[in-house]
Amino acid sequence: MPRMQDSGKKRMYVRKRVCRFCQDENLPIDYKDPKLLKHFITERGKIMPRRMTGTCANHQRKLREEIKKARHIAFLPFTTAVR
C-alpha cells in the first residue's frame, strides 16, 4: 500500500448544520416576522443558500416565498443602497 504524504494541512471538522424549522415545529415561517427573515438574507439583501443556513429543501422553499412576500409589502428591502 502506498503511504500517504502528510501535506501539513490540518483537517477541519465541519459540523453538519440542522434545519432550525425542523427542530422546532412551533417556529412559523411568516412574512410578517422580518426579524426572523433577516437571519436568512445577506446585508446586501440576497437570500442565503441552503448550504450556508442549513435549512432543509422544503423549508428553504417556504422561506424564499415568505421573504419575497415581505419584500413586496416593504417589510424587507430588496437591496441596500451602498455606493
PDB file of N, CA and C in Angstrom:
ATOM      1  N   MET A   1       0.833  -1.184   0.000  1.00  0.00           N
ATOM      2  CA  MET A   1       0.000   0.000   0.000  1.00  0.00           C
ATOM      3  C   MET A   1       0.873   1.240   0.000  1.00  0.00           C
ATOM      4  N   PRO A   2       0.555   2.217  -0.830  1.00  0.00           N
ATOM      5  CA  PRO A   2       1.338   3.441  -0.839  1.00  0.00           C
ATOM      6  C   PRO A   2       1.046   4.263   0.412  1.00  0.00           C
ATOM      7  N   ARG A   3       2.053   4.912   0.913  1.00  0.00           N
ATOM      8  CA  ARG A   3       1.896   5.737   2.110  1.00  0.00           C
ATOM      9  C   ARG A   3       1.376   7.106   1.709  1.00  0.00           C
ATOM     10  N   MET A   4       0.556   7.640   2.539  1.00  0.00           N
ATOM     11  CA  MET A   4       0.001   8.964   2.288  1.00  0.00           C
ATOM     12  C   MET A   4       1.000  10.005   2.771  1.00  0.00           C
ATOM     13  N   GLN A   5       1.282  10.961   1.953  1.00  0.00           N
ATOM     14  CA  GLN A   5       2.179  12.045   2.328  1.00  0.00           C
ATOM     15  C   GLN A   5       1.426  13.035   3.205  1.00  0.00           C
ATOM     16  N   ASP A   6       2.072  13.469   4.272  1.00  0.00           N
ATOM     17  CA  ASP A   6       1.470  14.475   5.142  1.00  0.00           C
ATOM     18  C   ASP A   6       1.701  15.833   4.503  1.00  0.00           C
ATOM     19  N   SER A   7       0.634  16.459   4.075  1.00  0.00           N
ATOM     20  CA  SER A   7       0.762  17.740   3.383  1.00  0.00           C
ATOM     21  C   SER A   7       0.907  18.906   4.357  1.00  0.00           C
ATOM     22  N   GLY A   8       0.803  18.654   5.630  1.00  0.00           N
ATOM     23  CA  GLY A   8       0.953  19.712   6.619  1.00  0.00           C
ATOM     24  C   GLY A   8      -0.350  20.443   6.914  1.00  0.00           C
ATOM     25  N   LYS A   9      -1.409  20.129   6.197  1.00  0.00           N
ATOM     26  CA  LYS A   9      -2.688  20.778   6.423  1.00  0.00           C
ATOM     27  C   LYS A   9      -3.468  20.015   7.480  1.00  0.00           C
ATOM     28  N   LYS A  10      -4.084  20.751   8.359  1.00  0.00           N
ATOM     29  CA  LYS A  10      -4.908  20.125   9.383  1.00  0.00           C
ATOM     30  C   LYS A  10      -6.320  19.969   8.844  1.00  0.00           C
ATOM     31  N   ARG A  11      -6.925  18.858   9.177  1.00  0.00           N
ATOM     32  CA  ARG A  11      -8.308  18.646   8.757  1.00  0.00           C
ATOM     33  C   ARG A  11      -9.229  19.435   9.660  1.00  0.00           C
ATOM     34  N   MET A  12     -10.117  20.153   9.042  1.00  0.00           N
ATOM     35  CA  MET A  12     -11.072  20.929   9.804  1.00  0.00           C
ATOM     36  C   MET A  12     -12.349  20.132   9.978  1.00  0.00           C
ATOM     37  N   TYR A  13     -12.868  20.084  11.180  1.00  0.00           N
ATOM     38  CA  TYR A  13     -14.120  19.397  11.433  1.00  0.00           C
ATOM     39  C   TYR A  13     -15.256  20.374  11.167  1.00  0.00           C
ATOM     40  N   VAL A  14     -16.083  20.063  10.182  1.00  0.00           N
ATOM     41  CA  VAL A  14     -17.218  20.899   9.850  1.00  0.00           C
ATOM     42  C   VAL A  14     -18.467  20.228  10.388  1.00  0.00           C
ATOM     43  N   ARG A  15     -19.142  20.935  11.254  1.00  0.00           N
ATOM     44  CA  ARG A  15     -20.331  20.379  11.868  1.00  0.00           C
ATOM     45  C   ARG A  15     -21.514  20.498  10.915  1.00  0.00           C
ATOM     46  N   LYS A  16     -22.299  19.448  10.824  1.00  0.00           N
ATOM     47  CA  LYS A  16     -23.465  19.443   9.949  1.00  0.00           C
ATOM     48  C   LYS A  16     -24.511  20.395  10.505  1.00  0.00           C
ATOM     49  N   ARG A  17     -24.965  21.306   9.671  1.00  0.00           N
ATOM     50  CA  ARG A  17     -25.997  22.238  10.110  1.00  0.00           C
ATOM     51  C   ARG A  17     -27.349  21.535  10.063  1.00  0.00           C
ATOM     52  N   VAL A  18     -28.184  21.869  11.007  1.00  0.00           N
ATOM     53  CA  VAL A  18     -29.518  21.269  11.055  1.00  0.00           C
ATOM     54  C   VAL A  18     -30.552  22.359  10.802  1.00  0.00           C
ATOM     55  N   CYS A  19     -31.658  21.960  10.234  1.00  0.00           N
ATOM     56  CA  CYS A  19     -32.734  22.898   9.930  1.00  0.00           C
ATOM     57  C   CYS A  19     -33.402  23.335  11.234  1.00  0.00           C
ATOM     58  N   ARG A  20     -33.392  24.622  11.497  1.00  0.00           N
ATOM     59  CA  ARG A  20     -33.975  25.104  12.747  1.00  0.00           C
ATOM     60  C   ARG A  20     -35.486  25.011  12.745  1.00  0.00           C
ATOM     61  N   PHE A  21     -36.098  24.956  11.555  1.00  0.00           N
ATOM     62  CA  PHE A  21     -37.551  24.828  11.476  1.00  0.00           C
ATOM     63  C   PHE A  21     -37.987  23.378  11.670  1.00  0.00           C
ATOM     64  N   CYS A  22     -37.140  22.426  11.302  1.00  0.00           N
ATOM     65  CA  CYS A  22     -37.441  21.015  11.573  1.00  0.00           C
ATOM     66  C   CYS A  22     -37.238  20.705  13.053  1.00  0.00           C
ATOM     67  N   GLN A  23     -36.271  21.343  13.669  1.00  0.00           N
ATOM     68  CA  GLN A  23     -36.006  21.120  15.090  1.00  0.00           C
ATOM     69  C   GLN A  23     -37.147  21.649  15.952  1.00  0.00           C
ATOM     70  N   ASP A  24     -37.616  22.866  15.628  1.00  0.00           N
ATOM     71  CA  ASP A  24     -38.692  23.482  16.402  1.00  0.00           C
ATOM     72  C   ASP A  24     -39.922  23.584  15.505  1.00  0.00           C
ATOM     73  N   GLU A  25     -40.843  22.649  15.662  1.00  0.00           N
ATOM     74  CA  GLU A  25     -42.043  22.609  14.819  1.00  0.00           C
ATOM     75  C   GLU A  25     -42.948  23.814  15.059  1.00  0.00           C
ATOM     76  N   ASN A  26     -42.820  24.484  16.207  1.00  0.00           N
ATOM     77  CA  ASN A  26     -43.684  25.614  16.542  1.00  0.00           C
ATOM     78  C   ASN A  26     -43.159  26.937  15.996  1.00  0.00           C
ATOM     79  N   LEU A  27     -41.997  26.927  15.350  1.00  0.00           N
ATOM     80  CA  LEU A  27     -41.420  28.143  14.791  1.00  0.00           C
ATOM     81  C   LEU A  27     -41.986  28.374  13.395  1.00  0.00           C
ATOM     82  N   PRO A  28     -42.913  29.334  13.250  1.00  0.00           N
ATOM     83  CA  PRO A  28     -43.529  29.526  11.932  1.00  0.00           C
ATOM     84  C   PRO A  28     -42.650  30.384  11.025  1.00  0.00           C
ATOM     85  N   ILE A  29     -42.742  30.113   9.730  1.00  0.00           N
ATOM     86  CA  ILE A  29     -42.098  30.961   8.734  1.00  0.00           C
ATOM     87  C   ILE A  29     -43.192  31.875   8.210  1.00  0.00           C
ATOM     88  N   ASP A  30     -43.123  33.149   8.571  1.00  0.00           N
ATOM     89  CA  ASP A  30     -44.193  34.075   8.230  1.00  0.00           C
ATOM     90  C   ASP A  30     -43.602  35.377   7.709  1.00  0.00           C
ATOM     91  N   TYR A  31     -44.207  35.937   6.680  1.00  0.00           N
ATOM     92  CA  TYR A  31     -43.705  37.175   6.091  1.00  0.00           C
ATOM     93  C   TYR A  31     -43.860  38.358   7.028  1.00  0.00           C
ATOM     94  N   LYS A  32     -44.717  38.229   8.045  1.00  0.00           N
ATOM     95  CA  LYS A  32     -44.937  39.324   8.985  1.00  0.00           C
ATOM     96  C   LYS A  32     -43.891  39.382  10.097  1.00  0.00           C
ATOM     97  N   ASP A  33     -42.897  38.499  10.030  1.00  0.00           N
ATOM     98  CA  ASP A  33     -41.839  38.451  11.040  1.00  0.00           C
ATOM     99  C   ASP A  33     -40.488  38.768  10.388  1.00  0.00           C
ATOM    100  N   PRO A  34     -40.213  40.049  10.117  1.00  0.00           N
ATOM    101  CA  PRO A  34     -38.959  40.391   9.436  1.00  0.00           C
ATOM    102  C   PRO A  34     -37.717  40.129  10.288  1.00  0.00           C
ATOM    103  N   LYS A  35     -37.879  40.094  11.593  1.00  0.00           N
ATOM    104  CA  LYS A  35     -36.736  39.819  12.467  1.00  0.00           C
ATOM    105  C   LYS A  35     -36.193  38.410  12.225  1.00  0.00           C
ATOM    106  N   LEU A  36     -37.076  37.450  12.039  1.00  0.00           N
ATOM    107  CA  LEU A  36     -36.669  36.077  11.735  1.00  0.00           C
ATOM    108  C   LEU A  36     -36.099  35.978  10.320  1.00  0.00           C
ATOM    109  N   LEU A  37     -36.753  36.638   9.371  1.00  0.00           N
ATOM    110  CA  LEU A  37     -36.343  36.535   7.974  1.00  0.00           C
ATOM    111  C   LEU A  37     -34.993  37.197   7.710  1.00  0.00           C
ATOM    112  N   LYS A  38     -34.621  38.190   8.514  1.00  0.00           N
ATOM    113  CA  LYS A  38     -33.343  38.874   8.316  1.00  0.00           C
ATOM    114  C   LYS A  38     -32.148  37.958   8.539  1.00  0.00           C
ATOM    115  N   HIS A  39     -32.338  36.880   9.288  1.00  0.00           N
ATOM    116  CA  HIS A  39     -31.253  35.926   9.509  1.00  0.00           C
ATOM    117  C   HIS A  39     -30.922  35.153   8.238  1.00  0.00           C
ATOM    118  N   PHE A  40     -31.832  35.153   7.279  1.00  0.00           N
ATOM    119  CA  PHE A  40     -31.664  34.351   6.079  1.00  0.00           C
ATOM    120  C   PHE A  40     -31.377  35.177   4.832  1.00  0.00           C
ATOM    121  N   ILE A  41     -31.125  36.471   5.005  1.00  0.00           N
ATOM    122  CA  ILE A  41     -30.701  37.296   3.877  1.00  0.00           C
ATOM    123  C   ILE A  41     -29.381  37.972   4.233  1.00  0.00           C
ATOM    124  N   THR A  42     -28.577  38.270   3.208  1.00  0.00           N
ATOM    125  CA  THR A  42     -27.291  38.920   3.438  1.00  0.00           C
ATOM    126  C   THR A  42     -27.496  40.406   3.685  1.00  0.00           C
ATOM    127  N   GLU A  43     -26.415  41.086   4.033  1.00  0.00           N
ATOM    128  CA  GLU A  43     -26.528  42.522   4.253  1.00  0.00           C
ATOM    129  C   GLU A  43     -26.817  43.274   2.966  1.00  0.00           C
ATOM    130  N   ARG A  44     -26.553  42.629   1.825  1.00  0.00           N
ATOM    131  CA  ARG A  44     -26.878  43.224   0.523  1.00  0.00           C
ATOM    132  C   ARG A  44     -28.312  42.933   0.091  1.00  0.00           C
ATOM    133  N   GLY A  45     -29.016  42.063   0.814  1.00  0.00           N
ATOM    134  CA  GLY A  45     -30.408  41.782   0.514  1.00  0.00           C
ATOM    135  C   GLY A  45     -30.646  40.496  -0.249  1.00  0.00           C
ATOM    136  N   LYS A  46     -29.605  39.699  -0.473  1.00  0.00           N
ATOM    137  CA  LYS A  46     -29.773  38.442  -1.199  1.00  0.00           C
ATOM    138  C   LYS A  46     -30.187  37.329  -0.244  1.00  0.00           C
ATOM    139  N   ILE A  47     -30.949  36.380  -0.760  1.00  0.00           N
ATOM    140  CA  ILE A  47     -31.363  35.229   0.046  1.00  0.00           C
ATOM    141  C   ILE A  47     -30.181  34.271   0.134  1.00  0.00           C
ATOM    142  N   MET A  48     -29.831  33.871   1.352  1.00  0.00           N
ATOM    143  CA  MET A  48     -28.690  32.979   1.536  1.00  0.00           C
ATOM    144  C   MET A  48     -29.047  31.555   1.128  1.00  0.00           C
ATOM    145  N   PRO A  49     -28.090  30.808   0.560  1.00  0.00           N
ATOM    146  CA  PRO A  49     -28.369  29.445   0.115  1.00  0.00           C
ATOM    147  C   PRO A  49     -28.472  28.463   1.288  1.00  0.00           C
ATOM    148  N   ARG A  50     -29.009  27.295   0.974  1.00  0.00           N
ATOM    149  CA  ARG A  50     -29.201  26.247   1.983  1.00  0.00           C
ATOM    150  C   ARG A  50     -27.913  25.813   2.619  1.00  0.00           C
ATOM    151  N   ARG A  51     -26.857  25.736   1.843  1.00  0.00           N
ATOM    152  CA  ARG A  51     -25.590  25.240   2.386  1.00  0.00           C
ATOM    153  C   ARG A  51     -25.013  26.185   3.432  1.00  0.00           C
ATOM    154  N   MET A  52     -25.413  27.449   3.410  1.00  0.00           N
ATOM    155  CA  MET A  52     -24.951  28.395   4.419  1.00  0.00           C
ATOM    156  C   MET A  52     -25.860  28.422   5.641  1.00  0.00           C
ATOM    157  N   THR A  53     -27.159  28.332   5.425  1.00  0.00           N
ATOM    158  CA  THR A  53     -28.092  28.439   6.542  1.00  0.00           C
ATOM    159  C   THR A  53     -28.396  27.104   7.189  1.00  0.00           C
ATOM    160  N   GLY A  54     -28.303  26.020   6.422  1.00  0.00           N
ATOM    161  CA  GLY A  54     -28.563  24.704   6.974  1.00  0.00           C
ATOM    162  C   GLY A  54     -30.021  24.300   6.948  1.00  0.00           C
ATOM    163  N   THR A  55     -30.878  25.090   6.305  1.00  0.00           N
ATOM    164  CA  THR A  55     -32.286  24.716   6.250  1.00  0.00           C
ATOM    165  C   THR A  55     -32.501  23.591   5.241  1.00  0.00           C
ATOM    166  N   CYS A  56     -33.537  22.811   5.461  1.00  0.00           N
ATOM    167  CA  CYS A  56     -33.840  21.720   4.531  1.00  0.00           C
ATOM    168  C   CYS A  56     -34.509  22.300   3.286  1.00  0.00           C
ATOM    169  N   ALA A  57     -34.667  21.471   2.264  1.00  0.00           N
ATOM    170  CA  ALA A  57     -35.179  21.950   0.976  1.00  0.00           C
ATOM    171  C   ALA A  57     -36.616  22.465   1.088  1.00  0.00           C
ATOM    172  N   ASN A  58     -37.438  21.757   1.835  1.00  0.00           N
ATOM    173  CA  ASN A  58     -38.837  22.190   1.967  1.00  0.00           C
ATOM    174  C   ASN A  58     -38.944  23.530   2.673  1.00  0.00           C
ATOM    175  N   HIS A  59     -38.210  23.697   3.742  1.00  0.00           N
ATOM    176  CA  HIS A  59     -38.273  24.953   4.472  1.00  0.00           C
ATOM    177  C   HIS A  59     -37.570  26.082   3.725  1.00  0.00           C
ATOM    178  N   GLN A  60     -36.555  25.769   2.929  1.00  0.00           N
ATOM    179  CA  GLN A  60     -35.889  26.803   2.137  1.00  0.00           C
ATOM    180  C   GLN A  60     -36.855  27.363   1.084  1.00  0.00           C
ATOM    181  N   ARG A  61     -37.666  26.495   0.478  1.00  0.00           N
ATOM    182  CA  ARG A  61     -38.649  26.969  -0.497  1.00  0.00           C
ATOM    183  C   ARG A  61     -39.703  27.841   0.174  1.00  0.00           C
ATOM    184  N   LYS A  62     -40.164  27.420   1.350  1.00  0.00           N
ATOM    185  CA  LYS A  62     -41.154  28.211   2.097  1.00  0.00           C
ATOM    186  C   LYS A  62     -40.538  29.549   2.523  1.00  0.00           C
ATOM    187  N   LEU A  63     -39.304  29.509   2.949  1.00  0.00           N
ATOM    188  CA  LEU A  63     -38.589  30.709   3.367  1.00  0.00           C
ATOM    189  C   LEU A  63     -38.439  31.689   2.206  1.00  0.00           C
ATOM    190  N   ARG A  64     -38.114  31.163   1.023  1.00  0.00           N
ATOM    191  CA  ARG A  64     -37.951  32.004  -0.162  1.00  0.00           C
ATOM    192  C   ARG A  64     -39.248  32.733  -0.492  1.00  0.00           C
ATOM    193  N   GLU A  65     -40.356  32.021  -0.441  1.00  0.00           N
ATOM    194  CA  GLU A  65     -41.643  32.641  -0.748  1.00  0.00           C
ATOM    195  C   GLU A  65     -42.009  33.717   0.272  1.00  0.00           C
ATOM    196  N   GLU A  66     -41.748  33.447   1.544  1.00  0.00           N
ATOM    197  CA  GLU A  66     -42.092  34.412   2.585  1.00  0.00           C
ATOM    198  C   GLU A  66     -41.196  35.653   2.519  1.00  0.00           C
ATOM    199  N   ILE A  67     -39.940  35.485   2.156  1.00  0.00           N
ATOM    200  CA  ILE A  67     -39.051  36.642   2.001  1.00  0.00           C
ATOM    201  C   ILE A  67     -39.526  37.502   0.840  1.00  0.00           C
ATOM    202  N   LYS A  68     -39.937  36.871  -0.248  1.00  0.00           N
ATOM    203  CA  LYS A  68     -40.430  37.626  -1.406  1.00  0.00           C
ATOM    204  C   LYS A  68     -41.723  38.366  -1.086  1.00  0.00           C
ATOM    205  N   LYS A  69     -42.607  37.748  -0.290  1.00  0.00           N
ATOM    206  CA  LYS A  69     -43.827  38.438   0.137  1.00  0.00           C
ATOM    207  C   LYS A  69     -43.483  39.645   1.004  1.00  0.00           C
ATOM    208  N   ALA A  70     -42.548  39.453   1.925  1.00  0.00           N
ATOM    209  CA  ALA A  70     -42.157  40.536   2.831  1.00  0.00           C
ATOM    210  C   ALA A  70     -41.515  41.687   2.069  1.00  0.00           C
ATOM    211  N   ARG A  71     -40.806  41.393   0.994  1.00  0.00           N
ATOM    212  CA  ARG A  71     -40.215  42.451   0.169  1.00  0.00           C
ATOM    213  C   ARG A  71     -41.295  43.253  -0.538  1.00  0.00           C
ATOM    214  N   HIS A  72     -42.314  42.585  -1.070  1.00  0.00           N
ATOM    215  CA  HIS A  72     -43.369  43.285  -1.799  1.00  0.00           C
ATOM    216  C   HIS A  72     -44.205  44.173  -0.883  1.00  0.00           C
ATOM    217  N   ILE A  73     -44.376  43.751   0.351  1.00  0.00           N
ATOM    218  CA  ILE A  73     -45.157  44.545   1.303  1.00  0.00           C
ATOM    219  C   ILE A  73     -44.274  45.581   2.007  1.00  0.00           C
ATOM    220  N   ALA A  74     -42.972  45.556   1.722  1.00  0.00           N
ATOM    221  CA  ALA A  74     -41.984  46.510   2.252  1.00  0.00           C
ATOM    222  C   ALA A  74     -41.642  46.263   3.712  1.00  0.00           C
ATOM    223  N   PHE A  75     -41.738  45.021   4.173  1.00  0.00           N
ATOM    224  CA  PHE A  75     -41.210  44.668   5.484  1.00  0.00           C
ATOM    225  C   PHE A  75     -39.704  44.472   5.401  1.00  0.00           C
ATOM    226  N   LEU A  76     -39.228  44.029   4.238  1.00  0.00           N
ATOM    227  CA  LEU A  76     -37.796  43.837   3.990  1.00  0.00           C
ATOM    228  C   LEU A  76     -37.402  44.619   2.745  1.00  0.00           C
ATOM    229  N   PRO A  77     -36.173  45.116   2.701  1.00  0.00           N
ATOM    230  CA  PRO A  77     -35.741  45.822   1.496  1.00  0.00           C
ATOM    231  C   PRO A  77     -35.344  44.840   0.400  1.00  0.00           C
ATOM    232  N   PHE A  78     -35.469  45.264  -0.855  1.00  0.00           N
ATOM    233  CA  PHE A  78     -34.995  44.438  -1.963  1.00  0.00           C
ATOM    234  C   PHE A  78     -33.465  44.444  -1.980  1.00  0.00           C
ATOM    235  N   THR A  79     -32.874  45.614  -1.849  1.00  0.00           N
ATOM    236  CA  THR A  79     -31.420  45.764  -1.774  1.00  0.00           C
ATOM    237  C   THR A  79     -31.096  46.879  -0.806  1.00  0.00           C
ATOM    238  N   THR A  80     -29.817  47.031  -0.523  1.00  0.00           N
ATOM    239  CA  THR A  80     -29.374  48.156   0.281  1.00  0.00           C
ATOM    240  C   THR A  80     -28.716  49.172  -0.632  1.00  0.00           C
ATOM    241  N   ALA A  81     -28.789  50.409  -0.273  1.00  0.00           N
ATOM    242  CA  ALA A  81     -28.214  51.476  -1.092  1.00  0.00           C
ATOM    243  C   ALA A  81     -26.757  51.688  -0.675  1.00  0.00           C
ATOM    244  N   VAL A  82     -25.865  50.913  -1.271  1.00  0.00           N
ATOM    245  CA  VAL A  82     -24.438  51.037  -0.979  1.00  0.00           C
ATOM    246  C   VAL A  82     -23.758  51.626  -2.195  1.00  0.00           C
ATOM    247  N   ARG A  83     -23.006  52.688  -1.986  1.00  0.00           N
ATOM    248  CA  ARG A  83     -22.287  53.315  -3.099  1.00  0.00           C
ATOM    249  C   ARG A  83     -20.845  53.444  -2.777  1.00  0.00           C
TER     250      ARG A  83
END
